[in-house]
C-alpha atoms as a PDB file:
ATOM      1  CA  MET A   1     -79.294  18.398 147.535  1.00  0.00           C
ATOM      2  CA  GLU A   2     -75.886  18.791 145.914  1.00  0.00           C
ATOM      3  CA  GLU A   3     -73.965  21.851 147.046  1.00  0.00           C
ATOM      4  CA  LYS A   4     -73.483  24.395 144.267  1.00  0.00           C
ATOM      5  CA  GLU A   5     -69.815  25.123 143.584  1.00  0.00           C
ATOM      6  CA  GLN A   6     -68.781  28.726 144.143  1.00  0.00           C
ATOM      7  CA  ARG A   7     -66.002  30.459 142.255  1.00  0.00           C
ATOM      8  CA  PRO A   8     -63.048  30.481 144.658  1.00  0.00           C
ATOM      9  CA  VAL A   9     -61.771  33.817 145.888  1.00  0.00           C
ATOM     10  CA  ILE A  10     -58.673  32.121 147.307  1.00  0.00           C
ATOM     11  CA  SER A  11     -56.575  29.304 145.853  1.00  0.00           C
ATOM     12  CA  VAL A  12     -54.610  27.357 148.456  1.00  0.00           C
ATOM     13  CA  LEU A  13     -51.655  25.591 146.831  1.00  0.00           C
ATOM     14  CA  LEU A  14     -50.380  22.565 148.737  1.00  0.00           C
ATOM     15  CA  LEU A  15     -47.057  21.038 147.679  1.00  0.00           C
ATOM     16  CA  ALA A  16     -46.639  17.400 148.660  1.00  0.00           C
ATOM     17  CA  TYR A  17     -43.615  15.137 148.433  1.00  0.00           C
ATOM     18  CA  ASN A  18     -43.159  12.153 150.763  1.00  0.00           C
ATOM     19  CA  HIS A  19     -45.193  13.844 153.487  1.00  0.00           C
ATOM     20  CA  GLU A  20     -47.257  10.866 154.675  1.00  0.00           C
ATOM     21  CA  ARG A  21     -46.412  11.613 158.318  1.00  0.00           C
ATOM     22  CA  TYR A  22     -47.566  15.246 158.194  1.00  0.00           C
ATOM     23  CA  ILE A  23     -49.960  15.882 155.321  1.00  0.00           C
ATOM     24  CA  CYS A  24     -53.160  15.121 157.261  1.00  0.00           C
ATOM     25  CA  HIS A  25     -52.289  17.924 159.672  1.00  0.00           C
ATOM     26  CA  ALA A  26     -51.553  20.277 156.778  1.00  0.00           C
ATOM     27  CA  LEU A  27     -54.849  19.496 155.010  1.00  0.00           C
ATOM     28  CA  ASP A  28     -56.915  19.675 158.198  1.00  0.00           C
ATOM     29  CA  SER A  29     -55.424  23.082 159.008  1.00  0.00           C
ATOM     30  CA  ILE A  30     -56.653  24.328 155.610  1.00  0.00           C
ATOM     31  CA  LEU A  31     -60.077  22.708 155.739  1.00  0.00           C
ATOM     32  CA  ASN A  32     -60.680  24.090 159.244  1.00  0.00           C
ATOM     33  CA  GLN A  33     -60.404  27.694 158.051  1.00  0.00           C
ATOM     34  CA  LYS A  34     -63.327  29.874 159.123  1.00  0.00           C
ATOM     35  CA  THR A  35     -63.794  32.422 156.370  1.00  0.00           C
ATOM     36  CA  GLU A  36     -66.518  34.125 154.373  1.00  0.00           C
ATOM     37  CA  TYR A  37     -64.356  33.817 151.250  1.00  0.00           C
ATOM     38  CA  PRO A  38     -64.787  30.617 149.165  1.00  0.00           C
ATOM     39  CA  PHE A  39     -61.511  28.792 148.640  1.00  0.00           C
ATOM     40  CA  GLU A  40     -60.186  25.853 146.680  1.00  0.00           C
ATOM     41  CA  ILE A  41     -57.319  23.526 147.567  1.00  0.00           C
ATOM     42  CA  ILE A  42     -55.027  22.423 144.743  1.00  0.00           C
ATOM     43  CA  ILE A  43     -52.639  19.656 145.783  1.00  0.00           C
ATOM     44  CA  GLY A  44     -49.498  18.983 143.797  1.00  0.00           C
ATOM     45  CA  ASN A  45     -48.063  15.524 144.510  1.00  0.00           C
ATOM     46  CA  ASP A  46     -44.592  15.384 142.977  1.00  0.00           C
ATOM     47  CA  CYS A  47     -44.409  11.615 142.515  1.00  0.00           C
ATOM     48  CA  SER A  48     -44.154  10.722 146.214  1.00  0.00           C
ATOM     49  CA  SER A  49     -42.771   7.238 146.894  1.00  0.00           C
ATOM     50  CA  ASP A  50     -44.520   6.776 150.253  1.00  0.00           C
ATOM     51  CA  ASN A  51     -48.243   6.729 151.167  1.00  0.00           C
ATOM     52  CA  THR A  52     -48.803  10.442 150.507  1.00  0.00           C
ATOM     53  CA  GLU A  53     -50.884   9.707 147.389  1.00  0.00           C
ATOM     54  CA  LYS A  54     -53.237   7.347 149.238  1.00  0.00           C
ATOM     55  CA  ILE A  55     -53.874   9.967 151.917  1.00  0.00           C
ATOM     56  CA  ILE A  56     -54.528  12.661 149.307  1.00  0.00           C
ATOM     57  CA  ILE A  57     -57.046  10.435 147.493  1.00  0.00           C
ATOM     58  CA  LYS A  58     -58.992   9.892 150.738  1.00  0.00           C
ATOM     59  CA  TYR A  59     -59.283  13.638 151.248  1.00  0.00           C
ATOM     60  CA  PHE A  60     -60.217  14.167 147.604  1.00  0.00           C
ATOM     61  CA  TYR A  61     -63.144  11.731 147.775  1.00  0.00           C
ATOM     62  CA  LYS A  62     -64.300  13.325 151.022  1.00  0.00           C
ATOM     63  CA  TYR A  63     -64.113  16.909 149.687  1.00  0.00           C
ATOM     64  CA  PRO A  64     -64.485  16.652 145.884  1.00  0.00           C
ATOM     65  CA  GLN A  65     -65.986  20.171 145.584  1.00  0.00           C
ATOM     66  CA  LYS A  66     -63.077  21.679 147.474  1.00  0.00           C
ATOM     67  CA  ILE A  67     -60.004  19.719 146.409  1.00  0.00           C
ATOM     68  CA  ARG A  68     -58.250  19.253 143.069  1.00  0.00           C
ATOM     69  CA  VAL A  69     -55.158  17.096 142.615  1.00  0.00           C
ATOM     70  CA  ILE A  70     -52.316  17.573 140.150  1.00  0.00           C
ATOM     71  CA  ARG A  71     -49.748  14.799 139.756  1.00  0.00           C
ATOM     72  CA  SER A  72     -46.531  14.214 137.879  1.00  0.00           C
ATOM     73  CA  LYS A  73     -45.452  10.890 136.368  1.00  0.00           C
ATOM     74  CA  HIS A  74     -41.892  11.552 137.467  1.00  0.00           C
ATOM     75  CA  ASN A  75     -40.334  13.878 140.025  1.00  0.00           C
ATOM     76  CA  VAL A  76     -40.224  17.340 138.435  1.00  0.00           C
ATOM     77  CA  GLY A  77     -39.053  19.321 141.470  1.00  0.00           C
ATOM     78  CA  GLY A  78     -40.821  21.792 143.715  1.00  0.00           C
ATOM     79  CA  THR A  79     -40.582  24.766 141.379  1.00  0.00           C
ATOM     80  CA  ALA A  80     -42.107  23.092 138.317  1.00  0.00           C
ATOM     81  CA  MET A  81     -44.876  21.586 140.418  1.00  0.00           C
ATOM     82  CA  TYR A  82     -45.645  24.926 142.050  1.00  0.00           C
ATOM     83  CA  LEU A  83     -45.861  26.538 138.629  1.00  0.00           C
ATOM     84  CA  LYS A  84     -48.431  23.915 137.606  1.00  0.00           C
ATOM     85  CA  LEU A  85     -50.472  24.770 140.682  1.00  0.00           C
ATOM     86  CA  LEU A  86     -50.254  28.486 139.953  1.00  0.00           C
ATOM     87  CA  GLU A  87     -51.468  27.935 136.402  1.00  0.00           C
ATOM     88  CA  ALA A  88     -54.447  25.966 137.702  1.00  0.00           C
ATOM     89  CA  ALA A  89     -55.387  28.501 140.391  1.00  0.00           C
ATOM     90  CA  ARG A  90     -58.723  30.243 139.840  1.00  0.00           C
ATOM     91  CA  GLY A  91     -58.695  32.471 142.911  1.00  0.00           C
ATOM     92  CA  ASP A  92     -57.911  36.171 143.088  1.00  0.00           C
ATOM     93  CA  TYR A  93     -55.538  35.447 145.953  1.00  0.00           C
ATOM     94  CA  ILE A  94     -52.919  32.749 146.463  1.00  0.00           C
ATOM     95  CA  ALA A  95     -51.945  31.048 149.726  1.00  0.00           C
ATOM     96  CA  THR A  96     -49.219  28.406 149.867  1.00  0.00           C
ATOM     97  CA  LEU A  97     -48.466  25.507 152.192  1.00  0.00           C
ATOM     98  CA  GLU A  98     -46.054  22.596 152.035  1.00  0.00           C
ATOM     99  CA  GLY A  99     -47.173  19.166 153.145  1.00  0.00           C
ATOM    100  CA  ASP A 100     -45.010  19.114 156.259  1.00  0.00           C
ATOM    101  CA  ASP A 101     -46.085  22.580 157.510  1.00  0.00           C
ATOM    102  CA  TYR A 102     -49.463  23.676 158.869  1.00  0.00           C
ATOM    103  CA  TRP A 103     -51.582  26.686 159.833  1.00  0.00           C
ATOM    104  CA  ASN A 104     -52.248  27.107 163.544  1.00  0.00           C
ATOM    105  CA  SER A 105     -55.007  29.713 163.229  1.00  0.00           C
ATOM    106  CA  GLU A 106     -58.457  29.075 161.785  1.00  0.00           C
ATOM    107  CA  GLU A 107     -58.737  32.788 160.955  1.00  0.00           C
ATOM    108  CA  LYS A 108     -55.663  33.059 158.759  1.00  0.00           C
ATOM    109  CA  LEU A 109     -57.434  33.228 155.383  1.00  0.00           C
ATOM    110  CA  GLN A 110     -60.181  35.504 156.699  1.00  0.00           C
ATOM    111  CA  LYS A 111     -57.757  38.022 158.196  1.00  0.00           C
ATOM    112  CA  GLN A 112     -55.343  38.129 155.281  1.00  0.00           C
ATOM    113  CA  THR A 113     -57.937  38.177 152.501  1.00  0.00           C
ATOM    114  CA  GLY A 114     -59.986  40.793 154.320  1.00  0.00           C
ATOM    115  CA  PHE A 115     -56.880  42.935 154.605  1.00  0.00           C
ATOM    116  CA  LEU A 116     -56.037  42.802 150.899  1.00  0.00           C
ATOM    117  CA  GLU A 117     -59.673  43.379 149.952  1.00  0.00           C
ATOM    118  CA  SER A 118     -59.634  46.660 151.891  1.00  0.00           C
ATOM    119  CA  HIS A 119     -56.036  47.673 151.068  1.00  0.00           C
ATOM    120  CA  PRO A 120     -55.546  47.710 147.285  1.00  0.00           C
ATOM    121  CA  GLU A 121     -52.231  49.522 147.748  1.00  0.00           C
ATOM    122  CA  TYR A 122     -50.570  46.273 148.887  1.00  0.00           C
ATOM    123  CA  GLU A 123     -49.603  43.382 146.652  1.00  0.00           C
ATOM    124  CA  ALA A 124     -49.395  40.870 149.491  1.00  0.00           C
ATOM    125  CA  VAL A 125     -49.772  40.424 153.231  1.00  0.00           C
ATOM    126  CA  SER A 126     -47.626  38.244 155.460  1.00  0.00           C
ATOM    127  CA  HIS A 127     -47.674  37.304 159.119  1.00  0.00           C
ATOM    128  CA  ARG A 128     -45.301  35.941 161.696  1.00  0.00           C
ATOM    129  CA  ILE A 129     -44.845  32.199 161.954  1.00  0.00           C
ATOM    130  CA  SER A 130     -43.594  29.749 164.540  1.00  0.00           C
ATOM    131  CA  VAL A 131     -40.612  27.559 163.687  1.00  0.00           C
ATOM    132  CA  VAL A 132     -41.151  24.100 165.175  1.00  0.00           C
ATOM    133  CA  ASP A 133     -39.346  20.766 165.145  1.00  0.00           C
ATOM    134  CA  GLU A 134     -40.749  17.552 163.694  1.00  0.00           C
ATOM    135  CA  ASP A 135     -42.780  17.004 166.881  1.00  0.00           C
ATOM    136  CA  GLU A 136     -44.297  20.515 166.643  1.00  0.00           C
ATOM    137  CA  ILE A 137     -42.302  21.907 169.566  1.00  0.00           C
ATOM    138  CA  PRO A 138     -41.285  25.573 168.990  1.00  0.00           C
ATOM    139  CA  ILE A 139     -37.556  26.087 168.477  1.00  0.00           C
ATOM    140  CA  ALA A 140     -36.974  29.161 170.683  1.00  0.00           C
ATOM    141  CA  PRO A 141     -33.724  30.467 169.093  1.00  0.00           C
ATOM    142  CA  ARG A 142     -35.396  30.504 165.653  1.00  0.00           C
ATOM    143  CA  ASN A 143     -38.422  32.458 166.840  1.00  0.00           C
ATOM    144  CA  ASP A 144     -36.773  35.800 167.561  1.00  0.00           C
ATOM    145  CA  TYR A 145     -39.120  38.366 166.008  1.00  0.00           C
ATOM    146  CA  SER A 146     -36.733  41.261 166.693  1.00  0.00           C
ATOM    147  CA  LYS A 147     -34.546  40.436 163.682  1.00  0.00           C
ATOM    148  CA  ASN A 148     -34.993  39.469 160.061  1.00  0.00           C
ATOM    149  CA  THR A 149     -34.767  35.782 159.261  1.00  0.00           C
ATOM    150  CA  PHE A 150     -35.729  33.634 156.290  1.00  0.00           C
ATOM    151  CA  TRP A 151     -39.062  32.826 157.940  1.00  0.00           C
ATOM    152  CA  ASN A 152     -39.906  36.091 159.721  1.00  0.00           C
ATOM    153  CA  TYR A 153     -39.631  39.752 158.701  1.00  0.00           C
ATOM    154  CA  ARG A 154     -39.015  42.278 161.470  1.00  0.00           C
ATOM    155  CA  ASP A 155     -40.445  45.479 159.984  1.00  0.00           C
ATOM    156  CA  ARG A 156     -43.982  46.339 158.944  1.00  0.00           C
ATOM    157  CA  ILE A 157     -43.557  47.205 155.251  1.00  0.00           C
ATOM    158  CA  TYR A 158     -41.556  45.022 152.853  1.00  0.00           C
ATOM    159  CA  THR A 159     -40.306  46.311 149.485  1.00  0.00           C
ATOM    160  CA  ILE A 160     -38.129  45.207 146.574  1.00  0.00           C
ATOM    161  CA  ARG A 161     -35.190  46.902 148.274  1.00  0.00           C
ATOM    162  CA  ASP A 162     -35.507  44.463 151.175  1.00  0.00           C
ATOM    163  CA  PHE A 163     -35.434  41.565 148.715  1.00  0.00           C
ATOM    164  CA  GLN A 164     -32.247  42.894 147.137  1.00  0.00           C
ATOM    165  CA  ASP A 165     -30.677  43.041 150.601  1.00  0.00           C
ATOM    166  CA  GLY A 166     -31.462  39.381 151.198  1.00  0.00           C
ATOM    167  CA  CYS A 167     -34.532  39.785 153.414  1.00  0.00           C
ATOM    168  CA  TYR A 168     -37.806  37.979 152.826  1.00  0.00           C
ATOM    169  CA  ALA A 169     -41.347  39.082 153.648  1.00  0.00           C
ATOM    170  CA  GLY A 170     -41.786  35.883 155.617  1.00  0.00           C
ATOM    171  CA  HIS A 171     -42.103  32.151 155.153  1.00  0.00           C
ATOM    172  CA  ALA A 172     -44.205  30.965 152.204  1.00  0.00           C
ATOM    173  CA  SER A 173     -46.832  29.519 154.556  1.00  0.00           C
ATOM    174  CA  GLY A 174     -47.448  32.992 155.969  1.00  0.00           C
ATOM    175  CA  ILE A 175     -47.912  34.963 152.735  1.00  0.00           C
ATOM    176  CA  LEU A 176     -51.133  35.671 150.848  1.00  0.00           C
ATOM    177  CA  PHE A 177     -50.653  37.462 147.527  1.00  0.00           C
ATOM    178  CA  ARG A 178     -52.673  38.683 144.578  1.00  0.00           C
ATOM    179  CA  ASN A 179     -52.760  36.155 141.745  1.00  0.00           C
ATOM    180  CA  PHE A 180     -50.265  37.711 139.320  1.00  0.00           C
ATOM    181  CA  MET A 181     -50.812  34.843 136.870  1.00  0.00           C
ATOM    182  CA  LYS A 182     -54.063  36.551 135.814  1.00  0.00           C
ATOM    183  CA  ASP A 183     -51.920  39.264 134.222  1.00  0.00           C
ATOM    184  CA  ASP A 184     -50.843  37.720 130.887  1.00  0.00           C
ATOM    185  CA  GLU A 185     -47.804  39.974 130.483  1.00  0.00           C
ATOM    186  CA  TYR A 186     -46.562  39.280 133.999  1.00  0.00           C
ATOM    187  CA  LYS A 187     -47.319  35.588 133.589  1.00  0.00           C
ATOM    188  CA  ARG A 188     -44.623  35.397 130.913  1.00  0.00           C
ATOM    189  CA  LYS A 189     -42.157  37.056 133.294  1.00  0.00           C
ATOM    190  CA  ALA A 190     -43.136  34.588 136.015  1.00  0.00           C
ATOM    191  CA  PHE A 191     -42.437  31.609 133.749  1.00  0.00           C
ATOM    192  CA  ALA A 192     -38.949  32.940 133.030  1.00  0.00           C
ATOM    193  CA  ALA A 193     -38.262  33.545 136.719  1.00  0.00           C
ATOM    194  CA  TYR A 194     -39.431  30.109 137.867  1.00  0.00           C
ATOM    195  CA  ARG A 195     -37.098  28.475 135.372  1.00  0.00           C
ATOM    196  CA  SER A 196     -34.176  29.891 137.365  1.00  0.00           C
ATOM    197  CA  HIS A 197     -34.049  26.984 139.822  1.00  0.00           C
ATOM    198  CA  ARG A 198     -35.567  23.487 139.932  1.00  0.00           C
ATOM    199  CA  ILE A 199     -36.098  23.399 143.706  1.00  0.00           C
ATOM    200  CA  ILE A 200     -36.078  26.954 145.030  1.00  0.00           C
ATOM    201  CA  GLY A 201     -39.491  28.393 144.279  1.00  0.00           C
ATOM    202  CA  ASP A 202     -40.432  30.367 147.386  1.00  0.00           C
ATOM    203  CA  ARG A 203     -37.745  32.995 146.856  1.00  0.00           C
ATOM    204  CA  THR A 204     -38.761  33.316 143.206  1.00  0.00           C
ATOM    205  CA  THR A 205     -42.316  33.965 144.349  1.00  0.00           C
ATOM    206  CA  SER A 206     -41.034  36.598 146.811  1.00  0.00           C
ATOM    207  CA  PHE A 207     -39.114  38.218 143.958  1.00  0.00           C
ATOM    208  CA  LEU A 208     -42.166  38.297 141.681  1.00  0.00           C
ATOM    209  CA  ILE A 209     -44.400  39.717 144.420  1.00  0.00           C
ATOM    210  CA  ALA A 210     -41.861  42.387 145.380  1.00  0.00           C
ATOM    211  CA  MET A 211     -41.434  43.422 141.745  1.00  0.00           C
ATOM    212  CA  ARG A 212     -45.155  44.260 141.642  1.00  0.00           C
ATOM    213  CA  GLY A 213     -45.556  46.057 144.942  1.00  0.00           C
ATOM    214  CA  THR A 214     -45.190  46.169 148.709  1.00  0.00           C
ATOM    215  CA  THR A 215     -46.105  43.581 151.343  1.00  0.00           C
ATOM    216  CA  TYR A 216     -47.666  44.369 154.710  1.00  0.00           C
ATOM    217  CA  ARG A 217     -46.593  42.250 157.672  1.00  0.00           C
ATOM    218  CA  MET A 218     -49.131  41.354 160.395  1.00  0.00           C
ATOM    219  CA  ASP A 219     -48.155  40.588 163.996  1.00  0.00           C
ATOM    220  CA  ASP A 220     -50.338  37.467 164.175  1.00  0.00           C
ATOM    221  CA  VAL A 221     -48.588  34.081 164.392  1.00  0.00           C
ATOM    222  CA  MET A 222     -50.809  31.943 162.172  1.00  0.00           C
ATOM    223  CA  SER A 223     -48.666  29.155 160.709  1.00  0.00           C
ATOM    224  CA  CYS A 224     -45.928  26.737 161.691  1.00  0.00           C
ATOM    225  CA  TYR A 225     -42.845  25.890 159.676  1.00  0.00           C
ATOM    226  CA  ARG A 226     -41.464  22.463 160.461  1.00  0.00           C
ATOM    227  CA  PHE A 227     -37.670  22.827 160.540  1.00  0.00           C
ATOM    228  CA  VAL A 228     -36.252  19.341 160.007  1.00  0.00           C
ATOM    229  CA  GLU A 229     -32.601  18.656 159.241  1.00  0.00           C
ATOM    230  CA  SER A 230     -32.354  14.875 159.570  1.00  0.00           C
ATOM    231  CA  MET A 231     -30.652  13.081 156.700  1.00  0.00           C
ATOM    232  CA  ASP A 232     -33.829  11.262 155.650  1.00  0.00           C
ATOM    233  CA  ALA A 233     -36.028  14.364 155.619  1.00  0.00           C
ATOM    234  CA  SER A 234     -37.414  15.549 152.275  1.00  0.00           C
ATOM    235  CA  ASN A 235     -37.356  19.340 152.715  1.00  0.00           C
ATOM    236  CA  TYR A 236     -34.859  21.650 151.036  1.00  0.00           C
ATOM    237  CA  GLN A 237     -32.793  22.324 154.174  1.00  0.00           C
ATOM    238  CA  ALA A 238     -32.277  18.623 154.749  1.00  0.00           C
ATOM    239  CA  THR A 239     -31.525  17.559 151.197  1.00  0.00           C
ATOM    240  CA  THR A 240     -29.097  20.365 150.346  1.00  0.00           C
ATOM    241  CA  ARG A 241     -26.990  19.767 153.452  1.00  0.00           C
ATOM    242  CA  GLN A 242     -26.070  16.338 152.133  1.00  0.00           C
ATOM    243  CA  ARG A 243     -23.884  17.901 149.434  1.00  0.00           C
ATOM    244  CA  ASN A 244     -22.238  21.224 148.663  1.00  0.00           C
ATOM    245  CA  ILE A 245     -24.349  22.940 145.982  1.00  0.00           C
ATOM    246  CA  ARG A 246     -23.616  26.516 146.979  1.00  0.00           C
ATOM    247  CA  ASP A 247     -22.616  27.397 143.428  1.00  0.00           C
ATOM    248  CA  GLU A 248     -26.025  26.262 142.189  1.00  0.00           C
ATOM    249  CA  GLU A 249     -27.815  28.614 144.572  1.00  0.00           C
ATOM    250  CA  TYR A 250     -25.332  31.367 143.714  1.00  0.00           C
ATOM    251  CA  ARG A 251     -26.124  30.990 140.010  1.00  0.00           C
ATOM    252  CA  TYR A 252     -29.815  31.237 140.860  1.00  0.00           C
ATOM    253  CA  ILE A 253     -29.301  34.561 142.676  1.00  0.00           C
ATOM    254  CA  CYS A 254     -27.283  35.898 139.725  1.00  0.00           C
ATOM    255  CA  ARG A 255     -30.188  34.950 137.465  1.00  0.00           C
ATOM    256  CA  LEU A 256     -32.692  36.844 139.633  1.00  0.00           C
ATOM    257  CA  GLU A 257     -30.378  39.856 139.548  1.00  0.00           C
ATOM    258  CA  ASP A 258     -30.322  39.723 135.729  1.00  0.00           C
ATOM    259  CA  LEU A 259     -34.118  39.414 135.587  1.00  0.00           C
ATOM    260  CA  GLY A 260     -34.480  42.338 137.977  1.00  0.00           C
ATOM    261  CA  LYS A 261     -32.443  44.524 135.638  1.00  0.00           C
ATOM    262  CA  GLN A 262     -34.431  43.304 132.647  1.00  0.00           C
ATOM    263  CA  TYR A 263     -37.862  43.796 134.227  1.00  0.00           C
ATOM    264  CA  THR A 264     -37.182  47.218 135.760  1.00  0.00           C
ATOM    265  CA  GLY A 265     -34.819  48.631 133.126  1.00  0.00           C
ATOM    266  CA  LYS A 266     -32.801  49.992 136.033  1.00  0.00           C
ATOM    267  CA  LYS A 267     -29.839  49.021 138.170  1.00  0.00           C
ATOM    268  CA  PHE A 268     -30.796  45.962 140.199  1.00  0.00           C
ATOM    269  CA  SER A 269     -28.102  44.641 142.497  1.00  0.00           C
ATOM    270  CA  MET A 270     -28.180  41.623 144.781  1.00  0.00           C
ATOM    271  CA  TYR A 271     -24.574  42.113 145.867  1.00  0.00           C
ATOM    272  CA  PRO A 272     -25.314  41.820 149.635  1.00  0.00           C
ATOM    273  CA  VAL A 273     -26.767  38.351 149.074  1.00  0.00           C
ATOM    274  CA  LEU A 274     -24.027  37.238 146.692  1.00  0.00           C
ATOM    275  CA  LYS A 275     -21.367  38.451 149.105  1.00  0.00           C
ATOM    276  CA  ASP A 276     -22.858  36.535 152.037  1.00  0.00           C
ATOM    277  CA  LYS A 277     -23.158  33.358 149.948  1.00  0.00           C
ATOM    278  CA  LEU A 278     -19.520  33.659 148.899  1.00  0.00           C
ATOM    279  CA  ILE A 279     -18.412  34.170 152.511  1.00  0.00           C
ATOM    280  CA  GLY A 280     -20.342  31.056 153.507  1.00  0.00           C
ATOM    281  CA  ALA A 281     -18.776  29.002 150.710  1.00  0.00           C
ATOM    282  CA  SER A 282     -15.296  30.240 151.676  1.00  0.00           C
ATOM    283  CA  ILE A 283     -15.705  29.186 155.320  1.00  0.00           C
ATOM    284  CA  TYR A 284     -17.168  25.852 154.237  1.00  0.00           C
ATOM    285  CA  ALA A 285     -14.145  25.209 152.007  1.00  0.00           C
ATOM    286  CA  LEU A 286     -11.874  26.141 154.914  1.00  0.00           C
ATOM    287  CA  ASP A 287     -13.624  23.703 157.251  1.00  0.00           C
ATOM    288  CA  HIS A 288     -14.015  20.951 154.635  1.00  0.00           C
ATOM    289  CA  PRO A 289     -10.925  21.152 152.412  1.00  0.00           C
ATOM    290  CA  SER A 290     -11.360  19.145 149.228  1.00  0.00           C
ATOM    291  CA  SER A 291     -10.933  19.661 145.507  1.00  0.00           C
ATOM    292  CA  LYS A 292     -14.722  19.500 145.098  1.00  0.00           C
ATOM    293  CA  ASN A 293     -15.377  22.333 147.558  1.00  0.00           C
ATOM    294  CA  LEU A 294     -12.622  24.444 146.029  1.00  0.00           C
ATOM    295  CA  GLN A 295     -14.147  23.907 142.581  1.00  0.00           C
ATOM    296  CA  VAL A 296     -17.503  25.098 143.919  1.00  0.00           C
ATOM    297  CA  LEU A 297     -15.810  28.250 145.205  1.00  0.00           C
ATOM    298  CA  PHE A 298     -13.992  28.875 141.919  1.00  0.00           C
ATOM    299  CA  ARG A 299     -17.185  28.423 139.925  1.00  0.00           C
ATOM    300  CA  MET A 300     -18.876  31.042 142.077  1.00  0.00           C
ATOM    301  CA  ILE A 301     -16.079  33.546 141.472  1.00  0.00           C
ATOM    302  CA  LYS A 302     -16.157  32.911 137.707  1.00  0.00           C
ATOM    303  CA  MET A 303     -19.825  33.903 137.516  1.00  0.00           C
ATOM    304  CA  ARG A 304     -19.057  37.537 138.289  1.00  0.00           C
ATOM    305  CA  LYS A 305     -17.361  40.066 136.023  1.00  0.00           C
ATOM    306  CA  GLN A 306     -15.437  41.761 138.838  1.00  0.00           C
ATOM    307  CA  LYS A 307     -13.441  38.671 139.711  1.00  0.00           C
ATOM    308  CA  VAL A 308     -10.746  40.508 141.702  1.00  0.00           C
ATOM    309  CA  LYS A 309     -13.418  41.983 143.979  1.00  0.00           C
ATOM    310  CA  TYR A 310     -14.859  38.538 144.703  1.00  0.00           C
ATOM    311  CA  ILE A 311     -11.448  36.883 145.149  1.00  0.00           C
ATOM    312  CA  ARG A 312     -10.768  39.555 147.772  1.00  0.00           C
ATOM    313  CA  ILE A 313     -13.951  38.545 149.603  1.00  0.00           C
ATOM    314  CA  VAL A 314     -12.798  34.912 149.679  1.00  0.00           C
ATOM    315  CA  ILE A 315      -9.344  35.786 151.016  1.00  0.00           C
ATOM    316  CA  LEU A 316     -10.651  38.213 153.645  1.00  0.00           C
ATOM    317  CA  SER A 317     -13.281  35.684 154.767  1.00  0.00           C
ATOM    318  CA  ILE A 318     -10.687  33.011 155.419  1.00  0.00           C
ATOM    319  CA  ILE A 319      -8.233  35.404 157.103  1.00  0.00           C
ATOM    320  CA  LYS A 320     -10.939  36.815 159.387  1.00  0.00           C
ATOM    321  CA  LYS A 321     -12.220  33.373 160.365  1.00  0.00           C
ATOM    322  CA  LEU A 322      -8.707  32.162 161.188  1.00  0.00           C
ATOM    323  CA  PHE A 323      -8.043  35.340 163.193  1.00  0.00           C
ATOM    324  CA  TYR A 324     -11.200  34.875 165.245  1.00  0.00           C
ATOM    325  CA  ARG A 325     -10.422  31.234 165.930  1.00  0.00           C
ATOM    326  CA  LYS A 326      -6.656  31.295 166.448  1.00  0.00           C
ATOM    327  CA  ILE A 327      -6.097  34.711 168.017  1.00  0.00           C
ATOM    328  CA  LEU A 328      -9.379  35.672 169.689  1.00  0.00           C
ATOM    329  CA  LYS A 329     -10.317  32.052 170.470  1.00  0.00           C
ATOM    330  CA  GLU A 330     -13.852  32.746 169.236  1.00  0.00           C
ATOM    331  CA  ASP A 331     -15.864  31.410 166.320  1.00  0.00           C
ATOM    332  CA  ARG A 332     -17.873  34.512 165.530  1.00  0.00           C
ATOM    333  CA  PRO A 333     -19.594  35.008 162.151  1.00  0.00           C
ATOM    334  CA  VAL A 334     -17.566  36.706 159.409  1.00  0.00           C
ATOM    335  CA  THR A 335     -18.831  39.951 157.890  1.00  0.00           C
ATOM    336  CA  ILE A 336     -17.129  42.060 155.231  1.00  0.00           C
ATOM    337  CA  GLY A 337     -18.147  45.649 154.542  1.00  0.00           C
ATOM    338  CA  LYS A 338     -21.605  46.956 155.419  1.00  0.00           C
ATOM    339  CA  LYS A 339     -24.200  44.435 156.476  1.00  0.00           C
END
């Protein structure tokens, strides 16, 4: 007897791009979830050039009631593909996974969905994750839960203020959030926000969640983020290190700041993030002197109205770094003003 399809409570969005080596693990970690809540899996294959598509098709034919596949005829970038998946999602809650990451707990969806079902005051719930290398071995220095990192949030409650300060509620694989695309008015805002960057979508999602409400952070470690920096890797960290595009990311942050002002009608500053990005670009230009890297730095300064203020940051960054290296014989990180 054919199994009757249930309306999904959760939509799991899986982004795939040249993940033939890892995607089976990612899909199995989703399919192995033990939960009372029906869920669907929507896979977005962004025109992979390896065998990712063949693997996805095998899973689709095996689980046709559970899996849907969305493709693109040409590479559209992670953000545009994620937006397609969001539009297709039928669930009340959204979970996200990239094809090279995986969940290491079969209770992830049950715990997170159960929490949001009983806590309407929260917009999302996150949990701690483990940062691993390509062979799934934990990278100890990147798994310090006592401080805020891109993939783990130290405190219990995360708000829009934390986002403005450059903190994130956790890695995308660890966040379950209410499907804001079911709100037509907010859906229009989401479309505008996702257009801010072709590749960076996870931070846009964090921004949109934080604009709607707070996130609760669980202690459980229920997913693994594969941190790969080899030159032939396909993730964002690997690809962006091949060229200096700091001004592109800087422009993206400026755009989110503008949208924050527009959506709230109040002062919305991302100065701490912009300052840190400018410091990083200044040190990079110092270490890799070239006309191209100087142009990147100048473009970043030109984006801000208070140009003198940002020129001062550049000069102080370089002076401090040279002082640490030449006088103190140390290569400590540069900070300017309050952290």
